[in-house]
C-alpha atoms as a PDB file:
ATOM      1  CA  MET A   1       0.527 116.750-207.916  1.00  0.00           C
ATOM      2  CA  GLU A   2      -2.524 115.171-206.466  1.00  0.00           C
ATOM      3  CA  MET A   3      -2.710 111.503-205.535  1.00  0.00           C
ATOM      4  CA  TRP A   4      -4.986 110.541-208.450  1.00  0.00           C
ATOM      5  CA  GLN A   5      -2.551 112.140-210.903  1.00  0.00           C
ATOM      6  CA  ILE A   6       0.388 110.243-209.434  1.00  0.00           C
ATOM      7  CA  LEU A   7      -1.529 106.973-209.656  1.00  0.00           C
ATOM      8  CA  ALA A   8      -2.636 107.706-213.232  1.00  0.00           C
ATOM      9  CA  VAL A   9       0.963 108.415-214.279  1.00  0.00           C
ATOM     10  CA  ALA A  10       2.077 105.209-212.554  1.00  0.00           C
ATOM     11  CA  GLY A  11      -0.638 103.345-214.462  1.00  0.00           C
ATOM     12  CA  PHE A  12       0.530 104.737-217.809  1.00  0.00           C
ATOM     13  CA  LEU A  13       4.151 103.892-216.973  1.00  0.00           C
ATOM     14  CA  LEU A  14       3.083 100.333-216.162  1.00  0.00           C
ATOM     15  CA  ILE A  15       1.302 100.125-219.529  1.00  0.00           C
ATOM     16  CA  ILE A  16       4.496 101.237-221.275  1.00  0.00           C
ATOM     17  CA  LEU A  17       6.441  98.641-219.302  1.00  0.00           C
ATOM     18  CA  GLU A  18       3.890  96.028-220.368  1.00  0.00           C
ATOM     19  CA  MET A  19       4.471  96.954-224.013  1.00  0.00           C
ATOM     20  CA  LEU A  20       8.190  96.319-223.539  1.00  0.00           C
ATOM     21  CA  THR A  21       7.703  93.012-221.720  1.00  0.00           C
ATOM     22  CA  PRO A  22       4.392  91.437-222.798  1.00  0.00           C
ATOM     23  CA  THR A  23       3.699  89.252-219.761  1.00  0.00           C
ATOM     24  CA  MET A  24       0.253  90.606-218.822  1.00  0.00           C
ATOM     25  CA  LEU A  25       1.607  91.337-215.347  1.00  0.00           C
ATOM     26  CA  PHE A  26       2.183  95.064-215.517  1.00  0.00           C
ATOM     27  CA  LEU A  27      -1.097  95.653-217.334  1.00  0.00           C
ATOM     28  CA  ASN A  28      -3.001  94.190-214.384  1.00  0.00           C
ATOM     29  CA  LEU A  29      -1.023  96.389-212.005  1.00  0.00           C
ATOM     30  CA  ALA A  30      -1.882  99.391-214.198  1.00  0.00           C
ATOM     31  CA  PHE A  31      -5.588  98.521-213.938  1.00  0.00           C
ATOM     32  CA  ALA A  32      -5.204  98.497-210.161  1.00  0.00           C
ATOM     33  CA  CYS A  33      -3.522 101.923-210.327  1.00  0.00           C
ATOM     34  CA  PHE A  34      -6.383 103.345-212.364  1.00  0.00           C
ATOM     35  CA  LEU A  35      -8.991 101.919-209.982  1.00  0.00           C
ATOM     36  CA  THR A  36      -7.109 103.331-207.005  1.00  0.00           C
ATOM     37  CA  ALA A  37      -6.772 106.686-208.803  1.00  0.00           C
ATOM     38  CA  VAL A  38     -10.553 106.887-209.145  1.00  0.00           C
ATOM     39  CA  VAL A  39     -11.012 106.202-205.432  1.00  0.00           C
ATOM     40  CA  SER A  40      -8.246 108.685-204.532  1.00  0.00           C
ATOM     41  CA  VAL A  41     -10.367 111.484-206.007  1.00  0.00           C
ATOM     42  CA  TYR A  42     -12.665 111.020-203.007  1.00  0.00           C
ATOM     43  CA  THR A  43     -10.086 110.214-200.296  1.00  0.00           C
ATOM     44  CA  THR A  44      -6.345 110.621-199.830  1.00  0.00           C
ATOM     45  CA  ASN A  45      -6.188 108.302-196.828  1.00  0.00           C
ATOM     46  CA  LEU A  46      -3.311 105.899-197.493  1.00  0.00           C
ATOM     47  CA  ASN A  47      -4.833 103.411-195.048  1.00  0.00           C
ATOM     48  CA  ILE A  48      -7.576 102.953-197.634  1.00  0.00           C
ATOM     49  CA  LEU A  49      -5.648 103.431-200.890  1.00  0.00           C
ATOM     50  CA  VAL A  50      -2.719 101.069-200.258  1.00  0.00           C
ATOM     51  CA  PRO A  51      -4.876  98.043-199.298  1.00  0.00           C
ATOM     52  CA  LEU A  52      -7.218  98.865-202.186  1.00  0.00           C
ATOM     53  CA  TRP A  53      -4.305  98.784-204.639  1.00  0.00           C
ATOM     54  CA  VAL A  54      -2.945  95.523-203.184  1.00  0.00           C
ATOM     55  CA  VAL A  55      -6.324  93.771-203.197  1.00  0.00           C
ATOM     56  CA  SER A  56      -7.307  95.015-206.653  1.00  0.00           C
ATOM     57  CA  SER A  57      -3.885  93.987-208.020  1.00  0.00           C
ATOM     58  CA  ALA A  58      -4.379  90.496-206.628  1.00  0.00           C
ATOM     59  CA  ILE A  59      -7.897  90.275-208.039  1.00  0.00           C
ATOM     60  CA  PHE A  60      -6.825  91.471-211.484  1.00  0.00           C
ATOM     61  CA  LEU A  61      -3.878  89.062-211.496  1.00  0.00           C
ATOM     62  CA  LEU A  62      -5.993  86.112-210.393  1.00  0.00           C
ATOM     63  CA  PHE A  63      -8.947  86.678-212.700  1.00  0.00           C
ATOM     64  CA  LEU A  64      -7.909  88.806-215.686  1.00  0.00           C
ATOM     65  CA  ARG A  65      -4.411  87.472-216.368  1.00  0.00           C
ATOM     66  CA  PRO A  66      -5.594  83.923-217.186  1.00  0.00           C
ATOM     67  CA  LEU A  67      -8.160  85.380-219.574  1.00  0.00           C
ATOM     68  CA  MET A  68      -5.579  87.550-221.315  1.00  0.00           C
ATOM     69  CA  THR A  69      -2.857  84.925-221.677  1.00  0.00           C
ATOM     70  CA  LYS A  70      -3.412  82.279-224.300  1.00  0.00           C
ATOM     71  CA  LYS A  71      -2.538  78.666-223.806  1.00  0.00           C
ATOM     72  CA  ASP A  72      -0.723  76.647-226.463  1.00  0.00           C
ATOM     73  CA  ASP A  73      -3.897  74.712-227.297  1.00  0.00           C
ATOM     74  CA  GLU A  74      -5.807  77.925-227.920  1.00  0.00           C
ATOM     75  CA  LYS A  75      -2.916  79.228-229.993  1.00  0.00           C
ATOM     76  CA  ALA A  76      -2.945  76.069-232.081  1.00  0.00           C
ATOM     77  CA  SER A  77      -6.669  76.426-232.613  1.00  0.00           C
ATOM     78  CA  SER A  78      -6.368  80.055-233.635  1.00  0.00           C
ATOM     79  CA  THR A  79      -3.726  79.252-236.252  1.00  0.00           C
ATOM     80  CA  GLY A  80      -5.722  76.298-237.559  1.00  0.00           C
ATOM     81  CA  ILE A  81      -3.007  73.740-236.832  1.00  0.00           C
ATOM     82  CA  GLY A  82      -5.207  72.175-234.155  1.00  0.00           C
ATOM     83  CA  ARG A  83      -7.569  70.793-236.785  1.00  0.00           C
ATOM     84  CA  TYR A  84      -4.901  68.284-237.847  1.00  0.00           C
ATOM     85  CA  ILE A  85      -4.488  66.649-234.441  1.00  0.00           C
ATOM     86  CA  GLY A  86      -6.371  63.356-234.240  1.00  0.00           C
ATOM     87  CA  ARG A  87      -6.930  63.189-238.017  1.00  0.00           C
ATOM     88  CA  GLN A  88      -5.785  60.392-240.258  1.00  0.00           C
ATOM     89  CA  ALA A  89      -3.129  60.991-242.878  1.00  0.00           C
ATOM     90  CA  LYS A  90      -1.589  58.910-245.626  1.00  0.00           C
ATOM     91  CA  VAL A  91       2.136  58.162-245.655  1.00  0.00           C
ATOM     92  CA  LEU A  92       3.856  59.386-248.857  1.00  0.00           C
ATOM     93  CA  GLU A  93       7.413  58.483-247.847  1.00  0.00           C
ATOM     94  CA  ASP A  94       8.311  55.987-245.123  1.00  0.00           C
ATOM     95  CA  VAL A  95       7.949  57.600-241.696  1.00  0.00           C
ATOM     96  CA  SER A  96      10.434  56.850-238.914  1.00  0.00           C
ATOM     97  CA  LYS A  97      11.867  58.696-235.915  1.00  0.00           C
ATOM     98  CA  GLU A  98      14.233  60.607-238.241  1.00  0.00           C
ATOM     99  CA  SER A  99      12.300  61.287-241.438  1.00  0.00           C
ATOM    100  CA  GLY A 100       9.111  60.881-243.395  1.00  0.00           C
ATOM    101  CA  VAL A 101       6.344  62.643-245.303  1.00  0.00           C
ATOM    102  CA  ILE A 102       2.572  62.436-244.947  1.00  0.00           C
ATOM    103  CA  THR A 103      -0.358  64.017-246.757  1.00  0.00           C
ATOM    104  CA  ILE A 104      -3.558  65.355-245.271  1.00  0.00           C
ATOM    105  CA  PHE A 105      -6.144  67.679-246.876  1.00  0.00           C
ATOM    106  CA  ASP A 106      -4.022  67.480-250.061  1.00  0.00           C
ATOM    107  CA  GLU A 107      -1.125  69.064-248.186  1.00  0.00           C
ATOM    108  CA  ARG A 108       2.334  67.599-247.816  1.00  0.00           C
ATOM    109  CA  TRP A 109       3.883  67.585-244.325  1.00  0.00           C
ATOM    110  CA  GLU A 110       7.157  66.431-242.837  1.00  0.00           C
ATOM    111  CA  ALA A 111       6.410  63.680-240.339  1.00  0.00           C
ATOM    112  CA  ARG A 112       8.124  61.736-237.575  1.00  0.00           C
ATOM    113  CA  SER A 113       7.021  58.679-235.669  1.00  0.00           C
ATOM    114  CA  LEU A 114       6.374  59.154-231.954  1.00  0.00           C
ATOM    115  CA  GLU A 115       6.967  55.477-231.356  1.00  0.00           C
ATOM    116  CA  GLU A 116       9.965  53.348-232.275  1.00  0.00           C
ATOM    117  CA  LYS A 117       7.924  51.999-235.193  1.00  0.00           C
ATOM    118  CA  SER A 118       8.244  53.068-238.786  1.00  0.00           C
ATOM    119  CA  TYR A 119       5.374  53.261-241.246  1.00  0.00           C
ATOM    120  CA  LYS A 120       5.600  52.271-244.897  1.00  0.00           C
ATOM    121  CA  LYS A 121       4.377  54.275-247.888  1.00  0.00           C
ATOM    122  CA  GLY A 122       0.602  54.010-248.316  1.00  0.00           C
ATOM    123  CA  THR A 123      -0.092  53.328-244.636  1.00  0.00           C
ATOM    124  CA  THR A 124      -2.752  55.363-242.838  1.00  0.00           C
ATOM    125  CA  VAL A 125      -1.543  56.972-239.620  1.00  0.00           C
ATOM    126  CA  THR A 126      -3.033  59.309-237.033  1.00  0.00           C
ATOM    127  CA  ILE A 127      -1.509  62.712-236.316  1.00  0.00           C
ATOM    128  CA  LEU A 128      -0.867  62.857-232.578  1.00  0.00           C
ATOM    129  CA  LYS A 129       0.848  66.244-232.212  1.00  0.00           C
ATOM    130  CA  ASN A 130       2.847  68.805-234.117  1.00  0.00           C
ATOM    131  CA  ASP A 131       5.966  70.844-233.557  1.00  0.00           C
ATOM    132  CA  ASN A 132       6.186  73.781-235.940  1.00  0.00           C
ATOM    133  CA  LEU A 133       6.053  72.219-239.410  1.00  0.00           C
ATOM    134  CA  ILE A 134       6.612  68.606-238.353  1.00  0.00           C
ATOM    135  CA  MET A 135       3.701  66.295-237.609  1.00  0.00           C
ATOM    136  CA  PHE A 136       4.218  63.443-235.168  1.00  0.00           C
ATOM    137  CA  VAL A 137       2.212  60.372-236.057  1.00  0.00           C
ATOM    138  CA  GLY A 138       1.228  57.010-234.637  1.00  0.00           C
ATOM    139  CA  LYS A 139      -1.041  54.130-235.490  1.00  0.00           C
ATOM    140  CA  ASP A 140      -4.736  54.013-234.589  1.00  0.00           C
ATOM    141  CA  LYS A 141      -5.494  52.016-231.458  1.00  0.00           C
END
């Protein structure tokens, strides 16, 4: 086998490994393999190919990985849950650290107080964060 074929096979194996463990690490290494495979068509000098693979791996990891991995804030925005944060909601059932219900956009949500305070029915509160299906609320400043 020629060097470019070996590198191409290594790249495809890294893609398969990425599918099994979605960390966006192995995909970047696969990109480096493919880039090195293209260069290896023109030269088989390992003194050029090995540093090229190392440098291109580092560049892909530093620049592409952050673009491919989503942060929690972006995830919240993509699911639409981020639109609730900072909005005011009305308390339907008294909200405390242990229990409570609020309504926002004509939707009913389980709620908990972030502070040691509790909020009575009819009070307006601000949604400060969420955890799955529970909204954490506080009072406006």
